[in-house]
Amino acid sequence: MDKQTLLTGSRLPEAVVTLPKVGDVRVRGLSRAEVLALRQDPGDKDAERRYVAAAMVDPALTEDEVGQWQAIATGEEFQAVVEAIYDLSGFGREAEKSAYKRVS
């Protein structure tokens, strides 16, 4: 393998999440470095807001805007976006299933 291939370019996946009564949003996975940089401590209640702000592609949102959205969104609406980001980043439910299949 060529080392340059490993060290350059973005390989972060993206996906469209359809939110009923709202429309489509595009999110991307977070890199390992982003997850570590955005995480403060295990009990940090604002970590989810930072993850979502970093992963929103269209529309791009600031942390404050994500907070405004959290305040009015249904749990199901916001959770759909969070789960998509987690899955694209490799630490969501689908990633757990895939890891289990590789080990089993």
PDB file of N, CA and C in Angstrom:
ATOM      1  N   MET A   1       0.840  -1.182   0.000  1.00  0.00           N
ATOM      2  CA  MET A   1       0.000   0.000   0.000  1.00  0.00           C
ATOM      3  C   MET A   1       0.880   1.239   0.000  1.00  0.00           C
ATOM      4  N   ASP A   2       0.421   2.243  -0.691  1.00  0.00           N
ATOM      5  CA  ASP A   2       1.121   3.516  -0.752  1.00  0.00           C
ATOM      6  C   ASP A   2       0.783   4.341   0.490  1.00  0.00           C
ATOM      7  N   LYS A   3       1.799   4.755   1.233  1.00  0.00           N
ATOM      8  CA  LYS A   3       1.598   5.534   2.461  1.00  0.00           C
ATOM      9  C   LYS A   3       0.838   6.828   2.181  1.00  0.00           C
ATOM     10  N   GLN A   4       1.081   7.444   1.057  1.00  0.00           N
ATOM     11  CA  GLN A   4       0.422   8.710   0.717  1.00  0.00           C
ATOM     12  C   GLN A   4      -1.092   8.541   0.660  1.00  0.00           C
ATOM     13  N   THR A   5      -1.555   7.400   0.181  1.00  0.00           N
ATOM     14  CA  THR A   5      -2.989   7.118   0.122  1.00  0.00           C
ATOM     15  C   THR A   5      -3.590   7.102   1.518  1.00  0.00           C
ATOM     16  N   LEU A   6      -2.854   6.529   2.455  1.00  0.00           N
ATOM     17  CA  LEU A   6      -3.318   6.444   3.834  1.00  0.00           C
ATOM     18  C   LEU A   6      -3.396   7.815   4.494  1.00  0.00           C
ATOM     19  N   LEU A   7      -2.470   8.689   4.170  1.00  0.00           N
ATOM     20  CA  LEU A   7      -2.326   9.957   4.889  1.00  0.00           C
ATOM     21  C   LEU A   7      -3.009  11.150   4.245  1.00  0.00           C
ATOM     22  N   THR A   8      -3.602  10.992   3.084  1.00  0.00           N
ATOM     23  CA  THR A   8      -4.220  12.145   2.421  1.00  0.00           C
ATOM     24  C   THR A   8      -5.663  11.864   2.031  1.00  0.00           C
ATOM     25  N   GLY A   9      -6.378  12.922   1.811  1.00  0.00           N
ATOM     26  CA  GLY A   9      -7.760  12.826   1.335  1.00  0.00           C
ATOM     27  C   GLY A   9      -8.747  12.525   2.439  1.00  0.00           C
ATOM     28  N   SER A  10      -9.948  12.944   2.224  1.00  0.00           N
ATOM     29  CA  SER A  10     -11.020  12.690   3.183  1.00  0.00           C
ATOM     30  C   SER A  10     -11.819  11.481   2.742  1.00  0.00           C
ATOM     31  N   ARG A  11     -12.048  10.589   3.672  1.00  0.00           N
ATOM     32  CA  ARG A  11     -12.845   9.399   3.378  1.00  0.00           C
ATOM     33  C   ARG A  11     -14.099   9.366   4.247  1.00  0.00           C
ATOM     34  N   LEU A  12     -14.510  10.509   4.744  1.00  0.00           N
ATOM     35  CA  LEU A  12     -15.665  10.556   5.633  1.00  0.00           C
ATOM     36  C   LEU A  12     -16.953  10.414   4.816  1.00  0.00           C
ATOM     37  N   PRO A  13     -17.759   9.420   5.140  1.00  0.00           N
ATOM     38  CA  PRO A  13     -18.994   9.199   4.390  1.00  0.00           C
ATOM     39  C   PRO A  13     -20.051  10.247   4.715  1.00  0.00           C
ATOM     40  N   GLU A  14     -20.966  10.432   3.787  1.00  0.00           N
ATOM     41  CA  GLU A  14     -22.087  11.358   3.979  1.00  0.00           C
ATOM     42  C   GLU A  14     -23.390  10.614   3.709  1.00  0.00           C
ATOM     43  N   ALA A  15     -24.478  11.165   4.269  1.00  0.00           N
ATOM     44  CA  ALA A  15     -25.800  10.584   4.041  1.00  0.00           C
ATOM     45  C   ALA A  15     -26.859  11.671   4.164  1.00  0.00           C
ATOM     46  N   VAL A  16     -27.978  11.436   3.510  1.00  0.00           N
ATOM     47  CA  VAL A  16     -29.140  12.304   3.621  1.00  0.00           C
ATOM     48  C   VAL A  16     -30.097  11.676   4.629  1.00  0.00           C
ATOM     49  N   VAL A  17     -30.577  12.491   5.559  1.00  0.00           N
ATOM     50  CA  VAL A  17     -31.565  12.055   6.540  1.00  0.00           C
ATOM     51  C   VAL A  17     -32.844  12.829   6.255  1.00  0.00           C
ATOM     52  N   THR A  18     -33.935  12.109   6.037  1.00  0.00           N
ATOM     53  CA  THR A  18     -35.222  12.739   5.783  1.00  0.00           C
ATOM     54  C   THR A  18     -35.956  12.920   7.105  1.00  0.00           C
ATOM     55  N   LEU A  19     -36.303  14.152   7.408  1.00  0.00           N
ATOM     56  CA  LEU A  19     -37.021  14.489   8.628  1.00  0.00           C
ATOM     57  C   LEU A  19     -38.464  14.811   8.271  1.00  0.00           C
ATOM     58  N   PRO A  20     -39.420  13.983   8.726  1.00  0.00           N
ATOM     59  CA  PRO A  20     -40.823  14.234   8.417  1.00  0.00           C
ATOM     60  C   PRO A  20     -41.235  15.652   8.818  1.00  0.00           C
ATOM     61  N   LYS A  21     -42.001  16.282   7.965  1.00  0.00           N
ATOM     62  CA  LYS A  21     -42.523  17.640   8.159  1.00  0.00           C
ATOM     63  C   LYS A  21     -41.445  18.725   8.146  1.00  0.00           C
ATOM     64  N   VAL A  22     -40.188  18.343   7.861  1.00  0.00           N
ATOM     65  CA  VAL A  22     -39.093  19.313   7.825  1.00  0.00           C
ATOM     66  C   VAL A  22     -38.388  19.277   6.478  1.00  0.00           C
ATOM     67  N   GLY A  23     -37.958  18.100   6.061  1.00  0.00           N
ATOM     68  CA  GLY A  23     -37.232  17.960   4.806  1.00  0.00           C
ATOM     69  C   GLY A  23     -35.959  17.157   5.001  1.00  0.00           C
ATOM     70  N   ASP A  24     -35.069  17.250   4.023  1.00  0.00           N
ATOM     71  CA  ASP A  24     -33.826  16.493   4.044  1.00  0.00           C
ATOM     72  C   ASP A  24     -32.677  17.325   4.591  1.00  0.00           C
ATOM     73  N   VAL A  25     -31.813  16.678   5.354  1.00  0.00           N
ATOM     74  CA  VAL A  25     -30.555  17.271   5.786  1.00  0.00           C
ATOM     75  C   VAL A  25     -29.445  16.315   5.382  1.00  0.00           C
ATOM     76  N   ARG A  26     -28.271  16.850   5.156  1.00  0.00           N
ATOM     77  CA  ARG A  26     -27.101  16.018   4.821  1.00  0.00           C
ATOM     78  C   ARG A  26     -26.114  16.110   5.963  1.00  0.00           C
ATOM     79  N   VAL A  27     -25.663  14.937   6.404  1.00  0.00           N
ATOM     80  CA  VAL A  27     -24.683  14.865   7.482  1.00  0.00           C
ATOM     81  C   VAL A  27     -23.496  14.029   7.021  1.00  0.00           C
ATOM     82  N   ARG A  28     -22.397  14.151   7.744  1.00  0.00           N
ATOM     83  CA  ARG A  28     -21.209  13.359   7.433  1.00  0.00           C
ATOM     84  C   ARG A  28     -20.728  12.679   8.707  1.00  0.00           C
ATOM     85  N   GLY A  29     -19.919  11.681   8.517  1.00  0.00           N
ATOM     86  CA  GLY A  29     -19.300  11.038   9.665  1.00  0.00           C
ATOM     87  C   GLY A  29     -18.218  11.927  10.243  1.00  0.00           C
ATOM     88  N   LEU A  30     -17.917  11.710  11.506  1.00  0.00           N
ATOM     89  CA  LEU A  30     -16.839  12.434  12.178  1.00  0.00           C
ATOM     90  C   LEU A  30     -15.573  11.588  12.144  1.00  0.00           C
ATOM     91  N   SER A  31     -14.443  12.249  11.985  1.00  0.00           N
ATOM     92  CA  SER A  31     -13.175  11.522  12.046  1.00  0.00           C
ATOM     93  C   SER A  31     -12.861  11.174  13.497  1.00  0.00           C
ATOM     94  N   ARG A  32     -11.977  10.243  13.692  1.00  0.00           N
ATOM     95  CA  ARG A  32     -11.567   9.863  15.048  1.00  0.00           C
ATOM     96  C   ARG A  32     -10.992  11.079  15.778  1.00  0.00           C
ATOM     97  N   ALA A  33     -10.204  11.885  15.090  1.00  0.00           N
ATOM     98  CA  ALA A  33      -9.615  13.080  15.704  1.00  0.00           C
ATOM     99  C   ALA A  33     -10.698  14.066  16.134  1.00  0.00           C
ATOM    100  N   GLU A  34     -11.743  14.231  15.322  1.00  0.00           N
ATOM    101  CA  GLU A  34     -12.840  15.133  15.696  1.00  0.00           C
ATOM    102  C   GLU A  34     -13.566  14.633  16.938  1.00  0.00           C
ATOM    103  N   VAL A  35     -13.843  13.344  16.995  1.00  0.00           N
ATOM    104  CA  VAL A  35     -14.546  12.789  18.148  1.00  0.00           C
ATOM    105  C   VAL A  35     -13.743  13.048  19.415  1.00  0.00           C
ATOM    106  N   LEU A  36     -12.451  12.795  19.362  1.00  0.00           N
ATOM    107  CA  LEU A  36     -11.614  13.013  20.546  1.00  0.00           C
ATOM    108  C   LEU A  36     -11.530  14.489  20.917  1.00  0.00           C
ATOM    109  N   ALA A  37     -11.461  15.362  19.917  1.00  0.00           N
ATOM    110  CA  ALA A  37     -11.366  16.798  20.192  1.00  0.00           C
ATOM    111  C   ALA A  37     -12.673  17.373  20.729  1.00  0.00           C
ATOM    112  N   LEU A  38     -13.805  16.854  20.251  1.00  0.00           N
ATOM    113  CA  LEU A  38     -15.107  17.394  20.644  1.00  0.00           C
ATOM    114  C   LEU A  38     -15.591  16.855  21.985  1.00  0.00           C
ATOM    115  N   ARG A  39     -15.068  15.717  22.380  1.00  0.00           N
ATOM    116  CA  ARG A  39     -15.506  15.106  23.642  1.00  0.00           C
ATOM    117  C   ARG A  39     -14.762  15.783  24.788  1.00  0.00           C
ATOM    118  N   GLN A  40     -15.498  16.239  25.773  1.00  0.00           N
ATOM    119  CA  GLN A  40     -14.885  16.882  26.936  1.00  0.00           C
ATOM    120  C   GLN A  40     -14.721  15.871  28.063  1.00  0.00           C
ATOM    121  N   ASP A  41     -15.823  15.449  28.638  1.00  0.00           N
ATOM    122  CA  ASP A  41     -15.818  14.426  29.674  1.00  0.00           C
ATOM    123  C   ASP A  41     -17.050  13.549  29.475  1.00  0.00           C
ATOM    124  N   PRO A  42     -17.055  12.337  30.033  1.00  0.00           N
ATOM    125  CA  PRO A  42     -18.165  11.409  29.775  1.00  0.00           C
ATOM    126  C   PRO A  42     -19.555  11.957  30.125  1.00  0.00           C
ATOM    127  N   GLY A  43     -19.657  12.845  31.104  1.00  0.00           N
ATOM    128  CA  GLY A  43     -20.955  13.375  31.495  1.00  0.00           C
ATOM    129  C   GLY A  43     -21.316  14.682  30.814  1.00  0.00           C
ATOM    130  N   ASP A  44     -20.568  15.073  29.807  1.00  0.00           N
ATOM    131  CA  ASP A  44     -20.760  16.349  29.129  1.00  0.00           C
ATOM    132  C   ASP A  44     -22.069  16.363  28.349  1.00  0.00           C
ATOM    133  N   LYS A  45     -23.034  17.153  28.804  1.00  0.00           N
ATOM    134  CA  LYS A  45     -24.346  17.194  28.159  1.00  0.00           C
ATOM    135  C   LYS A  45     -24.339  17.963  26.838  1.00  0.00           C
ATOM    136  N   ASP A  46     -23.300  18.730  26.569  1.00  0.00           N
ATOM    137  CA  ASP A  46     -23.231  19.505  25.331  1.00  0.00           C
ATOM    138  C   ASP A  46     -22.464  18.794  24.214  1.00  0.00           C
ATOM    139  N   ALA A  47     -21.914  17.626  24.500  1.00  0.00           N
ATOM    140  CA  ALA A  47     -21.123  16.909  23.488  1.00  0.00           C
ATOM    141  C   ALA A  47     -21.962  16.598  22.255  1.00  0.00           C
ATOM    142  N   GLU A  48     -23.194  16.151  22.451  1.00  0.00           N
ATOM    143  CA  GLU A  48     -24.051  15.820  21.316  1.00  0.00           C
ATOM    144  C   GLU A  48     -24.249  17.043  20.419  1.00  0.00           C
ATOM    145  N   ARG A  49     -24.418  18.194  21.020  1.00  0.00           N
ATOM    146  CA  ARG A  49     -24.599  19.431  20.242  1.00  0.00           C
ATOM    147  C   ARG A  49     -23.356  19.709  19.398  1.00  0.00           C
ATOM    148  N   ARG A  50     -22.172  19.524  19.971  1.00  0.00           N
ATOM    149  CA  ARG A  50     -20.930  19.760  19.226  1.00  0.00           C
ATOM    150  C   ARG A  50     -20.769  18.754  18.091  1.00  0.00           C
ATOM    151  N   TYR A  51     -21.104  17.478  18.357  1.00  0.00           N
ATOM    152  CA  TYR A  51     -21.018  16.456  17.310  1.00  0.00           C
ATOM    153  C   TYR A  51     -21.923  16.801  16.136  1.00  0.00           C
ATOM    154  N   VAL A  52     -23.163  17.169  16.434  1.00  0.00           N
ATOM    155  CA  VAL A  52     -24.117  17.472  15.370  1.00  0.00           C
ATOM    156  C   VAL A  52     -23.672  18.706  14.589  1.00  0.00           C
ATOM    157  N   ALA A  53     -23.225  19.741  15.273  1.00  0.00           N
ATOM    158  CA  ALA A  53     -22.765  20.948  14.575  1.00  0.00           C
ATOM    159  C   ALA A  53     -21.588  20.634  13.647  1.00  0.00           C
ATOM    160  N   ALA A  54     -20.673  19.804  14.100  1.00  0.00           N
ATOM    161  CA  ALA A  54     -19.516  19.452  13.273  1.00  0.00           C
ATOM    162  C   ALA A  54     -19.901  18.606  12.067  1.00  0.00           C
ATOM    163  N   ALA A  55     -20.942  17.792  12.213  1.00  0.00           N
ATOM    164  CA  ALA A  55     -21.300  16.837  11.160  1.00  0.00           C
ATOM    165  C   ALA A  55     -22.343  17.350  10.174  1.00  0.00           C
ATOM    166  N   MET A  56     -22.990  18.454  10.460  1.00  0.00           N
ATOM    167  CA  MET A  56     -24.011  18.970   9.540  1.00  0.00           C
ATOM    168  C   MET A  56     -23.351  19.549   8.291  1.00  0.00           C
ATOM    169  N   VAL A  57     -23.740  19.020   7.142  1.00  0.00           N
ATOM    170  CA  VAL A  57     -23.201  19.484   5.872  1.00  0.00           C
ATOM    171  C   VAL A  57     -24.172  20.472   5.215  1.00  0.00           C
ATOM    172  N   ASP A  58     -25.453  20.089   5.175  1.00  0.00           N
ATOM    173  CA  ASP A  58     -26.453  20.944   4.546  1.00  0.00           C
ATOM    174  C   ASP A  58     -27.789  20.776   5.264  1.00  0.00           C
ATOM    175  N   PRO A  59     -28.221  21.754   5.996  1.00  0.00           N
ATOM    176  CA  PRO A  59     -27.585  23.045   6.194  1.00  0.00           C
ATOM    177  C   PRO A  59     -26.471  22.956   7.239  1.00  0.00           C
ATOM    178  N   ALA A  60     -25.452  23.768   7.061  1.00  0.00           N
ATOM    179  CA  ALA A  60     -24.406  23.876   8.078  1.00  0.00           C
ATOM    180  C   ALA A  60     -24.992  24.644   9.259  1.00  0.00           C
ATOM    181  N   LEU A  61     -24.748  24.148  10.477  1.00  0.00           N
ATOM    182  CA  LEU A  61     -25.283  24.786  11.678  1.00  0.00           C
ATOM    183  C   LEU A  61     -24.186  25.016  12.701  1.00  0.00           C
ATOM    184  N   THR A  62     -24.288  26.122  13.427  1.00  0.00           N
ATOM    185  CA  THR A  62     -23.381  26.370  14.541  1.00  0.00           C
ATOM    186  C   THR A  62     -23.879  25.594  15.758  1.00  0.00           C
ATOM    187  N   GLU A  63     -23.065  25.529  16.801  1.00  0.00           N
ATOM    188  CA  GLU A  63     -23.503  24.876  18.040  1.00  0.00           C
ATOM    189  C   GLU A  63     -24.745  25.554  18.606  1.00  0.00           C
ATOM    190  N   ASP A  64     -24.794  26.881  18.568  1.00  0.00           N
ATOM    191  CA  ASP A  64     -25.965  27.606  19.074  1.00  0.00           C
ATOM    192  C   ASP A  64     -27.215  27.272  18.260  1.00  0.00           C
ATOM    193  N   GLU A  65     -27.078  27.178  16.943  1.00  0.00           N
ATOM    194  CA  GLU A  65     -28.221  26.829  16.093  1.00  0.00           C
ATOM    195  C   GLU A  65     -28.687  25.400  16.366  1.00  0.00           C
ATOM    196  N   VAL A  66     -27.743  24.498  16.593  1.00  0.00           N
ATOM    197  CA  VAL A  66     -28.130  23.127  16.943  1.00  0.00           C
ATOM    198  C   VAL A  66     -28.892  23.144  18.270  1.00  0.00           C
ATOM    199  N   GLY A  67     -28.466  23.965  19.211  1.00  0.00           N
ATOM    200  CA  GLY A  67     -29.181  24.101  20.480  1.00  0.00           C
ATOM    201  C   GLY A  67     -30.596  24.617  20.292  1.00  0.00           C
ATOM    202  N   GLN A  68     -30.777  25.570  19.383  1.00  0.00           N
ATOM    203  CA  GLN A  68     -32.118  26.085  19.082  1.00  0.00           C
ATOM    204  C   GLN A  68     -32.982  24.984  18.490  1.00  0.00           C
ATOM    205  N   TRP A  69     -32.387  24.190  17.610  1.00  0.00           N
ATOM    206  CA  TRP A  69     -33.102  23.073  16.989  1.00  0.00           C
ATOM    207  C   TRP A  69     -33.468  22.031  18.038  1.00  0.00           C
ATOM    208  N   GLN A  70     -32.528  21.702  18.921  1.00  0.00           N
ATOM    209  CA  GLN A  70     -32.805  20.736  19.986  1.00  0.00           C
ATOM    210  C   GLN A  70     -34.008  21.178  20.819  1.00  0.00           C
ATOM    211  N   ALA A  71     -34.115  22.471  21.045  1.00  0.00           N
ATOM    212  CA  ALA A  71     -35.174  23.001  21.909  1.00  0.00           C
ATOM    213  C   ALA A  71     -36.571  22.820  21.310  1.00  0.00           C
ATOM    214  N   ILE A  72     -36.677  22.700  19.989  1.00  0.00           N
ATOM    215  CA  ILE A  72     -38.002  22.593  19.371  1.00  0.00           C
ATOM    216  C   ILE A  72     -38.250  21.274  18.650  1.00  0.00           C
ATOM    217  N   ALA A  73     -37.181  20.497  18.432  1.00  0.00           N
ATOM    218  CA  ALA A  73     -37.320  19.238  17.687  1.00  0.00           C
ATOM    219  C   ALA A  73     -37.926  18.146  18.552  1.00  0.00           C
ATOM    220  N   THR A  74     -38.633  17.238  17.896  1.00  0.00           N
ATOM    221  CA  THR A  74     -39.091  16.053  18.612  1.00  0.00           C
ATOM    222  C   THR A  74     -37.868  15.176  18.882  1.00  0.00           C
ATOM    223  N   GLY A  75     -37.984  14.318  19.871  1.00  0.00           N
ATOM    224  CA  GLY A  75     -36.891  13.404  20.163  1.00  0.00           C
ATOM    225  C   GLY A  75     -36.561  12.519  18.980  1.00  0.00           C
ATOM    226  N   GLU A  76     -37.594  12.049  18.305  1.00  0.00           N
ATOM    227  CA  GLU A  76     -37.415  11.170  17.151  1.00  0.00           C
ATOM    228  C   GLU A  76     -36.690  11.897  16.016  1.00  0.00           C
ATOM    229  N   GLU A  77     -37.047  13.151  15.769  1.00  0.00           N
ATOM    230  CA  GLU A  77     -36.431  13.929  14.692  1.00  0.00           C
ATOM    231  C   GLU A  77     -34.943  14.112  14.948  1.00  0.00           C
ATOM    232  N   PHE A  78     -34.596  14.568  16.131  1.00  0.00           N
ATOM    233  CA  PHE A  78     -33.194  14.838  16.441  1.00  0.00           C
ATOM    234  C   PHE A  78     -32.406  13.536  16.520  1.00  0.00           C
ATOM    235  N   GLN A  79     -33.012  12.505  17.091  1.00  0.00           N
ATOM    236  CA  GLN A  79     -32.335  11.222  17.248  1.00  0.00           C
ATOM    237  C   GLN A  79     -31.997  10.593  15.903  1.00  0.00           C
ATOM    238  N   ALA A  80     -32.836  10.802  14.898  1.00  0.00           N
ATOM    239  CA  ALA A  80     -32.559  10.262  13.565  1.00  0.00           C
ATOM    240  C   ALA A  80     -31.251  10.829  13.015  1.00  0.00           C
ATOM    241  N   VAL A  81     -31.025  12.101  13.241  1.00  0.00           N
ATOM    242  CA  VAL A  81     -29.794  12.740  12.771  1.00  0.00           C
ATOM    243  C   VAL A  81     -28.602  12.252  13.582  1.00  0.00           C
ATOM    244  N   VAL A  82     -28.752  12.192  14.896  1.00  0.00           N
ATOM    245  CA  VAL A  82     -27.665  11.732  15.768  1.00  0.00           C
ATOM    246  C   VAL A  82     -27.263  10.303  15.401  1.00  0.00           C
ATOM    247  N   GLU A  83     -28.232   9.425  15.215  1.00  0.00           N
ATOM    248  CA  GLU A  83     -27.922   8.035  14.873  1.00  0.00           C
ATOM    249  C   GLU A  83     -27.227   7.930  13.523  1.00  0.00           C
ATOM    250  N   ALA A  84     -27.641   8.745  12.564  1.00  0.00           N
ATOM    251  CA  ALA A  84     -26.976   8.730  11.258  1.00  0.00           C
ATOM    252  C   ALA A  84     -25.516   9.146  11.399  1.00  0.00           C
ATOM    253  N   ILE A  85     -25.267  10.184  12.179  1.00  0.00           N
ATOM    254  CA  ILE A  85     -23.889  10.647  12.399  1.00  0.00           C
ATOM    255  C   ILE A  85     -23.070   9.563  13.090  1.00  0.00           C
ATOM    256  N   TYR A  86     -23.631   8.961  14.120  1.00  0.00           N
ATOM    257  CA  TYR A  86     -22.928   7.893  14.837  1.00  0.00           C
ATOM    258  C   TYR A  86     -22.621   6.728  13.908  1.00  0.00           C
ATOM    259  N   ASP A  87     -23.603   6.318  13.091  1.00  0.00           N
ATOM    260  CA  ASP A  87     -23.381   5.210  12.166  1.00  0.00           C
ATOM    261  C   ASP A  87     -22.292   5.545  11.142  1.00  0.00           C
ATOM    262  N   LEU A  88     -22.348   6.743  10.576  1.00  0.00           N
ATOM    263  CA  LEU A  88     -21.352   7.155   9.591  1.00  0.00           C
ATOM    264  C   LEU A  88     -19.960   7.270  10.207  1.00  0.00           C
ATOM    265  N   SER A  89     -19.906   7.555  11.497  1.00  0.00           N
ATOM    266  CA  SER A  89     -18.630   7.719  12.203  1.00  0.00           C
ATOM    267  C   SER A  89     -18.067   6.393  12.693  1.00  0.00           C
ATOM    268  N   GLY A  90     -18.868   5.341  12.603  1.00  0.00           N
ATOM    269  CA  GLY A  90     -18.393   4.022  12.994  1.00  0.00           C
ATOM    270  C   GLY A  90     -18.650   3.641  14.431  1.00  0.00           C
ATOM    271  N   PHE A  91     -19.530   4.384  15.122  1.00  0.00           N
ATOM    272  CA  PHE A  91     -19.842   3.990  16.497  1.00  0.00           C
ATOM    273  C   PHE A  91     -21.325   4.000  16.800  1.00  0.00           C
ATOM    274  N   GLY A  92     -22.128   3.712  15.790  1.00  0.00           N
ATOM    275  CA  GLY A  92     -23.568   3.626  15.979  1.00  0.00           C
ATOM    276  C   GLY A  92     -24.023   2.186  16.051  1.00  0.00           C
ATOM    277  N   ARG A  93     -25.320   1.985  16.060  1.00  0.00           N
ATOM    278  CA  ARG A  93     -25.897   0.638  16.139  1.00  0.00           C
ATOM    279  C   ARG A  93     -25.446  -0.253  14.986  1.00  0.00           C
ATOM    280  N   GLU A  94     -25.450   0.301  13.770  1.00  0.00           N
ATOM    281  CA  GLU A  94     -25.044  -0.499  12.617  1.00  0.00           C
ATOM    282  C   GLU A  94     -23.579  -0.903  12.726  1.00  0.00           C
ATOM    283  N   ALA A  95     -22.740  -0.014  13.254  1.00  0.00           N
ATOM    284  CA  ALA A  95     -21.327  -0.344  13.435  1.00  0.00           C
ATOM    285  C   ALA A  95     -21.167  -1.450  14.461  1.00  0.00           C
ATOM    286  N   GLU A  96     -21.968  -1.411  15.527  1.00  0.00           N
ATOM    287  CA  GLU A  96     -21.909  -2.457  16.541  1.00  0.00           C
ATOM    288  C   GLU A  96     -22.300  -3.799  15.940  1.00  0.00           C
ATOM    289  N   LYS A  97     -23.354  -3.827  15.130  1.00  0.00           N
ATOM    290  CA  LYS A  97     -23.786  -5.066  14.491  1.00  0.00           C
ATOM    291  C   LYS A  97     -22.686  -5.609  13.581  1.00  0.00           C
ATOM    292  N   SER A  98     -22.073  -4.711  12.810  1.00  0.00           N
ATOM    293  CA  SER A  98     -21.023  -5.110  11.894  1.00  0.00           C
ATOM    294  C   SER A  98     -19.812  -5.656  12.640  1.00  0.00           C
ATOM    295  N   ALA A  99     -19.424  -5.007  13.722  1.00  0.00           N
ATOM    296  CA  ALA A  99     -18.294  -5.473  14.533  1.00  0.00           C
ATOM    297  C   ALA A  99     -18.597  -6.830  15.131  1.00  0.00           C
ATOM    298  N   TYR A 100     -19.823  -7.023  15.573  1.00  0.00           N
ATOM    299  CA  TYR A 100     -20.222  -8.303  16.164  1.00  0.00           C
ATOM    300  C   TYR A 100     -20.109  -9.405  15.115  1.00  0.00           C
ATOM    301  N   LYS A 101     -20.559  -9.125  13.895  1.00  0.00           N
ATOM    302  CA  LYS A 101     -20.506 -10.123  12.826  1.00  0.00           C
ATOM    303  C   LYS A 101     -19.063 -10.495  12.489  1.00  0.00           C
ATOM    304  N   ARG A 102     -18.139  -9.509  12.525  1.00  0.00           N
ATOM    305  CA  ARG A 102     -16.729  -9.781  12.207  1.00  0.00           C
ATOM    306  C   ARG A 102     -16.092 -10.644  13.283  1.00  0.00           C
ATOM    307  N   VAL A 103     -16.484 -10.471  14.534  1.00  0.00           N
ATOM    308  CA  VAL A 103     -15.886 -11.211  15.639  1.00  0.00           C
ATOM    309  C   VAL A 103     -16.502 -12.596  15.778  1.00  0.00           C
ATOM    310  N   SER A 104     -17.793 -12.696  15.473  1.00  0.00           N
ATOM    311  CA  SER A 104     -18.508 -13.985  15.636  1.00  0.00           C
ATOM    312  C   SER A 104     -18.033 -15.025  14.669  1.00  0.00           C
TER     313      SER A 104
END
